[in-house]
C-alpha cells in the first residue's frame, strides 16, 4: 500500500473469518480506497503501517483480541454487536466468509 493511500483512509471495516479477513477502507467522504483480503498473519503488520483510524468489526472472541492489538497500535477499534450483522441462521452461498 502506498503512503498516499494510507493517509487517505479514515475508516476501515473488517469481516473476520477463520483464516482470512476481508478489509474495506474508506476516505472521509465515504469513497472506497482499499478493498483487500488479508491473512490472519498480515493484519497486525499492515495496520502497524497505517495512520490511526476508526476500525469497525463484528464482535466475537477474535474481534476482542484483535481490538486490543489495534488499540496498542493507536487505532480506534469499534466491535459492533452481532445483532447488527446479517442473520446467521441460514447459510448464504454468496457470503465471503460463510
PDB file of N, CA and C in Angstrom:
ATOM      1  N   UNK A   1       0.841  -1.179   0.000  1.00  0.00           N
ATOM      2  CA  UNK A   1       0.000   0.000   0.000  1.00  0.00           C
ATOM      3  C   UNK A   1       0.883   1.238   0.000  1.00  0.00           C
ATOM      4  N   UNK A   2       0.476   2.225  -0.766  1.00  0.00           N
ATOM      5  CA  UNK A   2       1.266   3.439  -0.849  1.00  0.00           C
ATOM      6  C   UNK A   2       0.976   4.353   0.343  1.00  0.00           C
ATOM      7  N   UNK A   3       1.894   5.282   0.582  1.00  0.00           N
ATOM      8  CA  UNK A   3       1.728   6.218   1.708  1.00  0.00           C
ATOM      9  C   UNK A   3       0.547   7.155   1.472  1.00  0.00           C
ATOM     10  N   UNK A   4       0.314   7.564   0.215  1.00  0.00           N
ATOM     11  CA  UNK A   4      -0.809   8.448  -0.087  1.00  0.00           C
ATOM     12  C   UNK A   4      -2.117   7.724   0.201  1.00  0.00           C
ATOM     13  N   UNK A   5      -2.209   6.471  -0.193  1.00  0.00           N
ATOM     14  CA  UNK A   5      -3.410   5.675   0.069  1.00  0.00           C
ATOM     15  C   UNK A   5      -3.633   5.522   1.563  1.00  0.00           C
ATOM     16  N   UNK A   6      -2.575   5.227   2.314  1.00  0.00           N
ATOM     17  CA  UNK A   6      -2.704   5.062   3.767  1.00  0.00           C
ATOM     18  C   UNK A   6      -3.193   6.333   4.429  1.00  0.00           C
ATOM     19  N   UNK A   7      -2.686   7.491   4.006  1.00  0.00           N
ATOM     20  CA  UNK A   7      -3.063   8.753   4.623  1.00  0.00           C
ATOM     21  C   UNK A   7      -4.520   9.098   4.343  1.00  0.00           C
ATOM     22  N   UNK A   8      -5.072   8.609   3.232  1.00  0.00           N
ATOM     23  CA  UNK A   8      -6.437   8.946   2.857  1.00  0.00           C
ATOM     24  C   UNK A   8      -7.475   8.106   3.596  1.00  0.00           C
ATOM     25  N   UNK A   9      -7.095   6.965   4.133  1.00  0.00           N
ATOM     26  CA  UNK A   9      -8.054   6.068   4.776  1.00  0.00           C
ATOM     27  C   UNK A   9      -8.430   6.583   6.163  1.00  0.00           C
ATOM     28  N   UNK A  10      -9.745   6.785   6.383  1.00  0.00           N
ATOM     29  CA  UNK A  10     -10.231   7.294   7.668  1.00  0.00           C
ATOM     30  C   UNK A  10     -10.980   6.226   8.456  1.00  0.00           C
ATOM     31  N   UNK A  11     -11.666   5.313   7.746  1.00  0.00           N
ATOM     32  CA  UNK A  11     -12.475   4.281   8.383  1.00  0.00           C
ATOM     33  C   UNK A  11     -12.196   2.949   7.695  1.00  0.00           C
ATOM     34  N   UNK A  12     -12.062   1.894   8.503  1.00  0.00           N
ATOM     35  CA  UNK A  12     -11.827   0.556   7.967  1.00  0.00           C
ATOM     36  C   UNK A  12     -12.874  -0.387   8.539  1.00  0.00           C
ATOM     37  N   UNK A  13     -13.433  -1.225   7.683  1.00  0.00           N
ATOM     38  CA  UNK A  13     -14.350  -2.276   8.112  1.00  0.00           C
ATOM     39  C   UNK A  13     -13.703  -3.619   7.862  1.00  0.00           C
ATOM     40  N   UNK A  14     -13.808  -4.532   8.841  1.00  0.00           N
ATOM     41  CA  UNK A  14     -13.182  -5.850   8.729  1.00  0.00           C
ATOM     42  C   UNK A  14     -14.246  -6.926   8.893  1.00  0.00           C
ATOM     43  N   UNK A  15     -14.259  -7.873   7.948  1.00  0.00           N
ATOM     44  CA  UNK A  15     -15.078  -9.077   8.071  1.00  0.00           C
ATOM     45  C   UNK A  15     -14.122 -10.186   8.498  1.00  0.00           C
ATOM     46  N   UNK A  16     -14.255 -10.635   9.730  1.00  0.00           N
ATOM     47  CA  UNK A  16     -13.306 -11.590  10.307  1.00  0.00           C
ATOM     48  C   UNK A  16     -13.747 -13.013   9.989  1.00  0.00           C
ATOM     49  N   UNK A  17     -12.838 -13.783   9.400  1.00  0.00           N
ATOM     50  CA  UNK A  17     -13.066 -15.193   9.126  1.00  0.00           C
ATOM     51  C   UNK A  17     -12.062 -16.030   9.901  1.00  0.00           C
ATOM     52  N   UNK A  18     -12.040 -17.334   9.650  1.00  0.00           N
ATOM     53  CA  UNK A  18     -11.099 -18.199  10.356  1.00  0.00           C
ATOM     54  C   UNK A  18      -9.658 -17.888   9.979  1.00  0.00           C
ATOM     55  N   UNK A  19      -9.381 -17.814   8.684  1.00  0.00           N
ATOM     56  CA  UNK A  19      -8.011 -17.607   8.231  1.00  0.00           C
ATOM     57  C   UNK A  19      -7.817 -16.342   7.423  1.00  0.00           C
ATOM     58  N   UNK A  20      -8.893 -15.782   6.875  1.00  0.00           N
ATOM     59  CA  UNK A  20      -8.774 -14.571   6.064  1.00  0.00           C
ATOM     60  C   UNK A  20      -9.680 -13.478   6.590  1.00  0.00           C
ATOM     61  N   UNK A  21      -9.239 -12.244   6.390  1.00  0.00           N
ATOM     62  CA  UNK A  21     -10.004 -11.071   6.794  1.00  0.00           C
ATOM     63  C   UNK A  21     -10.258 -10.255   5.542  1.00  0.00           C
ATOM     64  N   UNK A  22     -11.512  -9.900   5.275  1.00  0.00           N
ATOM     65  CA  UNK A  22     -11.842  -9.025   4.163  1.00  0.00           C
ATOM     66  C   UNK A  22     -11.872  -7.602   4.720  1.00  0.00           C
ATOM     67  N   UNK A  23     -11.064  -6.729   4.129  1.00  0.00           N
ATOM     68  CA  UNK A  23     -10.856  -5.384   4.648  1.00  0.00           C
ATOM     69  C   UNK A  23     -11.304  -4.363   3.600  1.00  0.00           C
ATOM     70  N   UNK A  24     -12.105  -3.384   4.041  1.00  0.00           N
ATOM     71  CA  UNK A  24     -12.536  -2.285   3.177  1.00  0.00           C
ATOM     72  C   UNK A  24     -12.195  -0.986   3.890  1.00  0.00           C
ATOM     73  N   UNK A  25     -11.434  -0.119   3.208  1.00  0.00           N
ATOM     74  CA  UNK A  25     -11.048   1.174   3.768  1.00  0.00           C
ATOM     75  C   UNK A  25     -11.732   2.307   3.034  1.00  0.00           C
ATOM     76  N   UNK A  26     -12.275   3.264   3.780  1.00  0.00           N
ATOM     77  CA  UNK A  26     -12.978   4.412   3.211  1.00  0.00           C
ATOM     78  C   UNK A  26     -12.264   5.703   3.569  1.00  0.00           C
ATOM     79  N   UNK A  27     -12.356   6.688   2.667  1.00  0.00           N
ATOM     80  CA  UNK A  27     -11.813   8.002   2.999  1.00  0.00           C
ATOM     81  C   UNK A  27     -12.881   8.800   3.744  1.00  0.00           C
ATOM     82  N   UNK A  28     -12.612  10.057   4.028  1.00  0.00           N
ATOM     83  CA  UNK A  28     -13.546  10.879   4.813  1.00  0.00           C
ATOM     84  C   UNK A  28     -14.872  11.125   4.102  1.00  0.00           C
ATOM     85  N   UNK A  29     -14.877  11.047   2.768  1.00  0.00           N
ATOM     86  CA  UNK A  29     -16.103  11.246   2.002  1.00  0.00           C
ATOM     87  C   UNK A  29     -16.918   9.967   1.861  1.00  0.00           C
ATOM     88  N   UNK A  30     -16.332   8.820   2.207  1.00  0.00           N
ATOM     89  CA  UNK A  30     -17.031   7.548   2.096  1.00  0.00           C
ATOM     90  C   UNK A  30     -16.675   6.768   0.839  1.00  0.00           C
ATOM     91  N   UNK A  31     -15.721   7.271   0.062  1.00  0.00           N
ATOM     92  CA  UNK A  31     -15.293   6.563  -1.147  1.00  0.00           C
ATOM     93  C   UNK A  31     -14.355   5.417  -0.761  1.00  0.00           C
ATOM     94  N   UNK A  32     -14.485   4.289  -1.451  1.00  0.00           N
ATOM     95  CA  UNK A  32     -13.657   3.116  -1.151  1.00  0.00           C
ATOM     96  C   UNK A  32     -12.233   3.356  -1.649  1.00  0.00           C
ATOM     97  N   UNK A  33     -11.279   3.262  -0.728  1.00  0.00           N
ATOM     98  CA  UNK A  33      -9.869   3.461  -1.052  1.00  0.00           C
ATOM     99  C   UNK A  33      -9.092   2.154  -1.000  1.00  0.00           C
ATOM    100  N   UNK A  34      -9.647   1.155  -0.317  1.00  0.00           N
ATOM    101  CA  UNK A  34      -8.957  -0.108  -0.114  1.00  0.00           C
ATOM    102  C   UNK A  34      -9.979  -1.229  -0.052  1.00  0.00           C
ATOM    103  N   UNK A  35      -9.758  -2.283  -0.803  1.00  0.00           N
ATOM    104  CA  UNK A  35     -10.602  -3.484  -0.729  1.00  0.00           C
ATOM    105  C   UNK A  35      -9.679  -4.669  -0.979  1.00  0.00           C
ATOM    106  N   UNK A  36      -9.333  -5.379   0.107  1.00  0.00           N
ATOM    107  CA  UNK A  36      -8.368  -6.471   0.002  1.00  0.00           C
ATOM    108  C   UNK A  36      -8.750  -7.618   0.929  1.00  0.00           C
ATOM    109  N   UNK A  37      -8.134  -8.762   0.672  1.00  0.00           N
ATOM    110  CA  UNK A  37      -8.269  -9.930   1.544  1.00  0.00           C
ATOM    111  C   UNK A  37      -6.905 -10.153   2.182  1.00  0.00           C
ATOM    112  N   UNK A  38      -6.865 -10.123   3.517  1.00  0.00           N
ATOM    113  CA  UNK A  38      -5.621 -10.305   4.262  1.00  0.00           C
ATOM    114  C   UNK A  38      -5.671 -11.621   5.016  1.00  0.00           C
ATOM    115  N   UNK A  39      -4.513 -12.248   5.166  1.00  0.00           N
ATOM    116  CA  UNK A  39      -4.440 -13.436   6.011  1.00  0.00           C
ATOM    117  C   UNK A  39      -4.313 -12.988   7.463  1.00  0.00           C
ATOM    118  N   UNK A  40      -4.562 -13.893   8.369  1.00  0.00           N
ATOM    119  CA  UNK A  40      -4.504 -13.564   9.804  1.00  0.00           C
ATOM    120  C   UNK A  40      -3.136 -13.006  10.198  1.00  0.00           C
ATOM    121  N   UNK A  41      -2.085 -13.539   9.619  1.00  0.00           N
ATOM    122  CA  UNK A  41      -0.736 -13.087   9.951  1.00  0.00           C
ATOM    123  C   UNK A  41      -0.393 -11.702   9.425  1.00  0.00           C
ATOM    124  N   UNK A  42      -1.086 -11.235   8.385  1.00  0.00           N
ATOM    125  CA  UNK A  42      -0.795  -9.937   7.789  1.00  0.00           C
ATOM    126  C   UNK A  42      -1.449  -8.775   8.526  1.00  0.00           C
ATOM    127  N   UNK A  43      -2.509  -9.028   9.242  1.00  0.00           N
ATOM    128  CA  UNK A  43      -3.342  -7.951   9.788  1.00  0.00           C
ATOM    129  C   UNK A  43      -2.560  -6.993  10.674  1.00  0.00           C
ATOM    130  N   UNK A  44      -1.886  -7.510  11.666  1.00  0.00           N
ATOM    131  CA  UNK A  44      -1.178  -6.631  12.607  1.00  0.00           C
ATOM    132  C   UNK A  44      -0.067  -5.849  11.909  1.00  0.00           C
ATOM    133  N   UNK A  45       0.675  -6.504  11.024  1.00  0.00           N
ATOM    134  CA  UNK A  45       1.773  -5.825  10.330  1.00  0.00           C
ATOM    135  C   UNK A  45       1.258  -4.720   9.413  1.00  0.00           C
ATOM    136  N   UNK A  46       0.162  -4.957   8.707  1.00  0.00           N
ATOM    137  CA  UNK A  46      -0.359  -3.943   7.791  1.00  0.00           C
ATOM    138  C   UNK A  46      -0.993  -2.770   8.535  1.00  0.00           C
ATOM    139  N   UNK A  47      -1.679  -3.039   9.650  1.00  0.00           N
ATOM    140  CA  UNK A  47      -2.242  -1.937  10.424  1.00  0.00           C
ATOM    141  C   UNK A  47      -1.156  -1.142  11.146  1.00  0.00           C
ATOM    142  N   UNK A  48      -0.020  -1.748  11.422  1.00  0.00           N
ATOM    143  CA  UNK A  48       1.079  -1.020  12.063  1.00  0.00           C
ATOM    144  C   UNK A  48       1.624   0.065  11.134  1.00  0.00           C
ATOM    145  N   UNK A  49       1.484  -0.124   9.825  1.00  0.00           N
ATOM    146  CA  UNK A  49       1.981   0.845   8.848  1.00  0.00           C
ATOM    147  C   UNK A  49       0.948   1.894   8.464  1.00  0.00           C
ATOM    148  N   UNK A  50      -0.257   1.816   9.013  1.00  0.00           N
ATOM    149  CA  UNK A  50      -1.317   2.773   8.700  1.00  0.00           C
ATOM    150  C   UNK A  50      -1.425   3.825   9.796  1.00  0.00           C
ATOM    151  N   UNK A  51      -1.794   5.057   9.423  1.00  0.00           N
ATOM    152  CA  UNK A  51      -2.053   6.064  10.461  1.00  0.00           C
ATOM    153  C   UNK A  51      -3.306   5.675  11.248  1.00  0.00           C
ATOM    154  N   UNK A  52      -3.463   6.162  12.469  1.00  0.00           N
ATOM    155  CA  UNK A  52      -4.625   5.800  13.292  1.00  0.00           C
ATOM    156  C   UNK A  52      -5.937   6.098  12.570  1.00  0.00           C
ATOM    157  N   UNK A  53      -6.872   5.167  12.647  1.00  0.00           N
ATOM    158  CA  UNK A  53      -8.180   5.334  12.024  1.00  0.00           C
ATOM    159  C   UNK A  53      -9.228   4.563  12.823  1.00  0.00           C
ATOM    160  N   UNK A  54     -10.489   4.765  12.481  1.00  0.00           N
ATOM    161  CA  UNK A  54     -11.605   4.073  13.105  1.00  0.00           C
ATOM    162  C   UNK A  54     -11.763   2.725  12.409  1.00  0.00           C
ATOM    163  N   UNK A  55     -11.876   1.650  13.190  1.00  0.00           N
ATOM    164  CA  UNK A  55     -11.971   0.307  12.632  1.00  0.00           C
ATOM    165  C   UNK A  55     -13.214  -0.378  13.188  1.00  0.00           C
ATOM    166  N   UNK A  56     -14.117  -0.762  12.308  1.00  0.00           N
ATOM    167  CA  UNK A  56     -15.343  -1.441  12.710  1.00  0.00           C
ATOM    168  C   UNK A  56     -15.286  -2.916  12.386  1.00  0.00           C
ATOM    169  N   UNK A  57     -15.797  -3.739  13.306  1.00  0.00           N
ATOM    170  CA  UNK A  57     -15.827  -5.191  13.096  1.00  0.00           C
ATOM    171  C   UNK A  57     -16.941  -5.792  13.945  1.00  0.00           C
ATOM    172  N   UNK A  58     -17.407  -6.975  13.549  1.00  0.00           N
ATOM    173  CA  UNK A  58     -18.430  -7.661  14.325  1.00  0.00           C
ATOM    174  C   UNK A  58     -17.799  -8.230  15.591  1.00  0.00           C
ATOM    175  N   UNK A  59     -18.471  -8.092  16.716  1.00  0.00           N
ATOM    176  CA  UNK A  59     -17.938  -8.551  17.999  1.00  0.00           C
ATOM    177  C   UNK A  59     -17.958 -10.075  18.075  1.00  0.00           C
ATOM    178  N   UNK A  60     -16.808 -10.645  18.369  1.00  0.00           N
ATOM    179  CA  UNK A  60     -16.669 -12.084  18.605  1.00  0.00           C
ATOM    180  C   UNK A  60     -15.376 -12.262  19.400  1.00  0.00           C
ATOM    181  N   UNK A  61     -15.036 -13.476  19.740  1.00  0.00           N
ATOM    182  CA  UNK A  61     -13.828 -13.707  20.536  1.00  0.00           C
ATOM    183  C   UNK A  61     -12.594 -13.172  19.808  1.00  0.00           C
ATOM    184  N   UNK A  62     -12.487 -13.455  18.520  1.00  0.00           N
ATOM    185  CA  UNK A  62     -11.347 -12.980  17.739  1.00  0.00           C
ATOM    186  C   UNK A  62     -11.305 -11.473  17.634  1.00  0.00           C
ATOM    187  N   UNK A  63     -12.471 -10.832  17.589  1.00  0.00           N
ATOM    188  CA  UNK A  63     -12.533  -9.380  17.473  1.00  0.00           C
ATOM    189  C   UNK A  63     -12.021  -8.698  18.730  1.00  0.00           C
ATOM    190  N   UNK A  64     -12.291  -9.268  19.883  1.00  0.00           N
ATOM    191  CA  UNK A  64     -11.829  -8.657  21.131  1.00  0.00           C
ATOM    192  C   UNK A  64     -10.308  -8.734  21.228  1.00  0.00           C
ATOM    193  N   UNK A  65      -9.744  -9.840  20.812  1.00  0.00           N
ATOM    194  CA  UNK A  65      -8.282  -9.979  20.803  1.00  0.00           C
ATOM    195  C   UNK A  65      -7.672  -8.993  19.805  1.00  0.00           C
ATOM    196  N   UNK A  66      -8.250  -8.916  18.609  1.00  0.00           N
ATOM    197  CA  UNK A  66      -7.753  -8.000  17.586  1.00  0.00           C
ATOM    198  C   UNK A  66      -7.913  -6.547  18.035  1.00  0.00           C
ATOM    199  N   UNK A  67      -9.008  -6.233  18.721  1.00  0.00           N
ATOM    200  CA  UNK A  67      -9.229  -4.868  19.219  1.00  0.00           C
ATOM    201  C   UNK A  67      -8.123  -4.427  20.167  1.00  0.00           C
ATOM    202  N   UNK A  68      -7.718  -5.321  21.051  1.00  0.00           N
ATOM    203  CA  UNK A  68      -6.634  -4.979  21.976  1.00  0.00           C
ATOM    204  C   UNK A  68      -5.336  -4.697  21.227  1.00  0.00           C
ATOM    205  N   UNK A  69      -5.040  -5.518  20.214  1.00  0.00           N
ATOM    206  CA  UNK A  69      -3.823  -5.320  19.419  1.00  0.00           C
ATOM    207  C   UNK A  69      -3.881  -3.997  18.662  1.00  0.00           C
ATOM    208  N   UNK A  70      -5.042  -3.675  18.081  1.00  0.00           N
ATOM    209  CA  UNK A  70      -5.171  -2.445  17.309  1.00  0.00           C
ATOM    210  C   UNK A  70      -5.103  -1.205  18.193  1.00  0.00           C
ATOM    211  N   UNK A  71      -5.629  -1.290  19.423  1.00  0.00           N
ATOM    212  CA  UNK A  71      -5.514  -0.165  20.362  1.00  0.00           C
ATOM    213  C   UNK A  71      -4.060   0.117  20.692  1.00  0.00           C
ATOM    214  N   UNK A  72      -3.252  -0.949  20.825  1.00  0.00           N
ATOM    215  CA  UNK A  72      -1.820  -0.771  21.082  1.00  0.00           C
ATOM    216  C   UNK A  72      -1.125  -0.038  19.943  1.00  0.00           C
ATOM    217  N   UNK A  73      -1.655  -0.183  18.721  1.00  0.00           N
ATOM    218  CA  UNK A  73      -1.085   0.476  17.545  1.00  0.00           C
ATOM    219  C   UNK A  73      -1.624   1.895  17.344  1.00  0.00           C
ATOM    220  N   UNK A  74      -2.549   2.342  18.214  1.00  0.00           N
ATOM    221  CA  UNK A  74      -3.073   3.697  18.144  1.00  0.00           C
ATOM    222  C   UNK A  74      -4.385   3.839  17.389  1.00  0.00           C
ATOM    223  N   UNK A  75      -4.968   2.750  16.924  1.00  0.00           N
ATOM    224  CA  UNK A  75      -6.236   2.802  16.195  1.00  0.00           C
ATOM    225  C   UNK A  75      -7.411   2.840  17.168  1.00  0.00           C
ATOM    226  N   UNK A  76      -8.614   3.087  16.629  1.00  0.00           N
ATOM    227  CA  UNK A  76      -9.840   3.123  17.431  1.00  0.00           C
ATOM    228  C   UNK A  76     -10.778   2.013  16.966  1.00  0.00           C
ATOM    229  N   UNK A  77     -10.590   0.790  17.464  1.00  0.00           N
ATOM    230  CA  UNK A  77     -11.471  -0.309  17.053  1.00  0.00           C
ATOM    231  C   UNK A  77     -12.838  -0.209  17.727  1.00  0.00           C
ATOM    232  N   UNK A  78     -13.889  -0.541  16.971  1.00  0.00           N
ATOM    233  CA  UNK A  78     -15.250  -0.494  17.476  1.00  0.00           C
ATOM    234  C   UNK A  78     -15.943  -1.810  17.133  1.00  0.00           C
ATOM    235  N   UNK A  79     -15.927  -2.784  18.061  1.00  0.00           N
ATOM    236  CA  UNK A  79     -16.681  -4.018  17.803  1.00  0.00           C
ATOM    237  C   UNK A  79     -18.176  -3.738  17.922  1.00  0.00           C
ATOM    238  N   UNK A  80     -18.958  -4.178  16.939  1.00  0.00           N
ATOM    239  CA  UNK A  80     -20.404  -3.977  16.997  1.00  0.00           C
ATOM    240  C   UNK A  80     -21.072  -5.284  17.394  1.00  0.00           C
ATOM    241  N   UNK A  81     -22.211  -5.172  18.035  1.00  0.00           N
ATOM    242  CA  UNK A  81     -22.945  -6.359  18.476  1.00  0.00           C
ATOM    243  C   UNK A  81     -23.382  -7.178  17.268  1.00  0.00           C
ATOM    244  N   UNK A  82     -23.443  -8.476  17.422  1.00  0.00           N
ATOM    245  CA  UNK A  82     -23.805  -9.364  16.332  1.00  0.00           C
ATOM    246  C   UNK A  82     -25.221  -9.114  15.819  1.00  0.00           C
ATOM    247  N   UNK A  83     -26.076  -8.518  16.624  1.00  0.00           N
ATOM    248  CA  UNK A  83     -27.443  -8.287  16.188  1.00  0.00           C
ATOM    249  C   UNK A  83     -27.516  -7.277  15.056  1.00  0.00           C
ATOM    250  N   UNK A  84     -26.450  -6.480  14.855  1.00  0.00           N
ATOM    251  CA  UNK A  84     -26.434  -5.523  13.753  1.00  0.00           C
ATOM    252  C   UNK A  84     -25.932  -6.152  12.465  1.00  0.00           C
ATOM    253  N   UNK A  85     -25.394  -7.362  12.527  1.00  0.00           N
ATOM    254  CA  UNK A  85     -24.890  -8.051  11.343  1.00  0.00           C
ATOM    255  C   UNK A  85     -25.989  -8.835  10.656  1.00  0.00           C
ATOM    256  N   UNK A  86     -25.596  -9.662   9.720  1.00  0.00           N
ATOM    257  CA  UNK A  86     -26.562 -10.473   8.976  1.00  0.00           C
ATOM    258  C   UNK A  86     -27.066 -11.619   9.843  1.00  0.00           C
ATOM    259  N   UNK A  87     -28.217 -12.146   9.503  1.00  0.00           N
ATOM    260  CA  UNK A  87     -28.786 -13.284  10.207  1.00  0.00           C
ATOM    261  C   UNK A  87     -27.993 -14.535   9.842  1.00  0.00           C
ATOM    262  N   UNK A  88     -27.404 -15.202  10.810  1.00  0.00           N
ATOM    263  CA  UNK A  88     -26.563 -16.369  10.558  1.00  0.00           C
ATOM    264  C   UNK A  88     -27.335 -17.682  10.617  1.00  0.00           C
ATOM    265  N   UNK A  89     -28.663 -17.643  10.677  1.00  0.00           N
ATOM    266  CA  UNK A  89     -29.426 -18.880  10.825  1.00  0.00           C
ATOM    267  C   UNK A  89     -29.463 -19.695   9.540  1.00  0.00           C
ATOM    268  N   UNK A  90     -29.368 -19.046   8.391  1.00  0.00           N
ATOM    269  CA  UNK A  90     -29.352 -19.773   7.123  1.00  0.00           C
ATOM    270  C   UNK A  90     -28.083 -19.429   6.367  1.00  0.00           C
ATOM    271  N   UNK A  91     -27.399 -20.425   5.821  1.00  0.00           N
ATOM    272  CA  UNK A  91     -26.165 -20.140   5.096  1.00  0.00           C
ATOM    273  C   UNK A  91     -26.442 -19.419   3.782  1.00  0.00           C
ATOM    274  N   UNK A  92     -25.566 -18.503   3.433  1.00  0.00           N
ATOM    275  CA  UNK A  92     -25.680 -17.747   2.202  1.00  0.00           C
ATOM    276  C   UNK A  92     -24.494 -18.120   1.309  1.00  0.00           C
ATOM    277  N   UNK A  93     -24.723 -18.708   0.156  1.00  0.00           N
ATOM    278  CA  UNK A  93     -23.600 -19.125  -0.687  1.00  0.00           C
ATOM    279  C   UNK A  93     -22.804 -17.951  -1.252  1.00  0.00           C
ATOM    280  N   UNK A  94     -23.357 -16.736  -1.228  1.00  0.00           N
ATOM    281  CA  UNK A  94     -22.657 -15.576  -1.767  1.00  0.00           C
ATOM    282  C   UNK A  94     -21.821 -14.839  -0.720  1.00  0.00           C
ATOM    283  N   UNK A  95     -21.918 -15.244   0.545  1.00  0.00           N
ATOM    284  CA  UNK A  95     -21.176 -14.571   1.606  1.00  0.00           C
ATOM    285  C   UNK A  95     -19.707 -14.919   1.505  1.00  0.00           C
ATOM    286  N   UNK A  96     -18.835 -13.937   1.699  1.00  0.00           N
ATOM    287  CA  UNK A  96     -17.399 -14.149   1.534  1.00  0.00           C
ATOM    288  C   UNK A  96     -16.815 -15.075   2.579  1.00  0.00           C
ATOM    289  N   UNK A  97     -17.167 -14.871   3.850  1.00  0.00           N
ATOM    290  CA  UNK A  97     -16.590 -15.691   4.931  1.00  0.00           C
ATOM    291  C   UNK A  97     -17.648 -16.600   5.529  1.00  0.00           C
ATOM    292  N   UNK A  98     -18.427 -17.232   4.728  1.00  0.00           N
ATOM    293  CA  UNK A  98     -19.522 -18.060   5.211  1.00  0.00           C
ATOM    294  C   UNK A  98     -19.182 -19.412   5.644  1.00  0.00           C
TER     295      UNK A  98
END
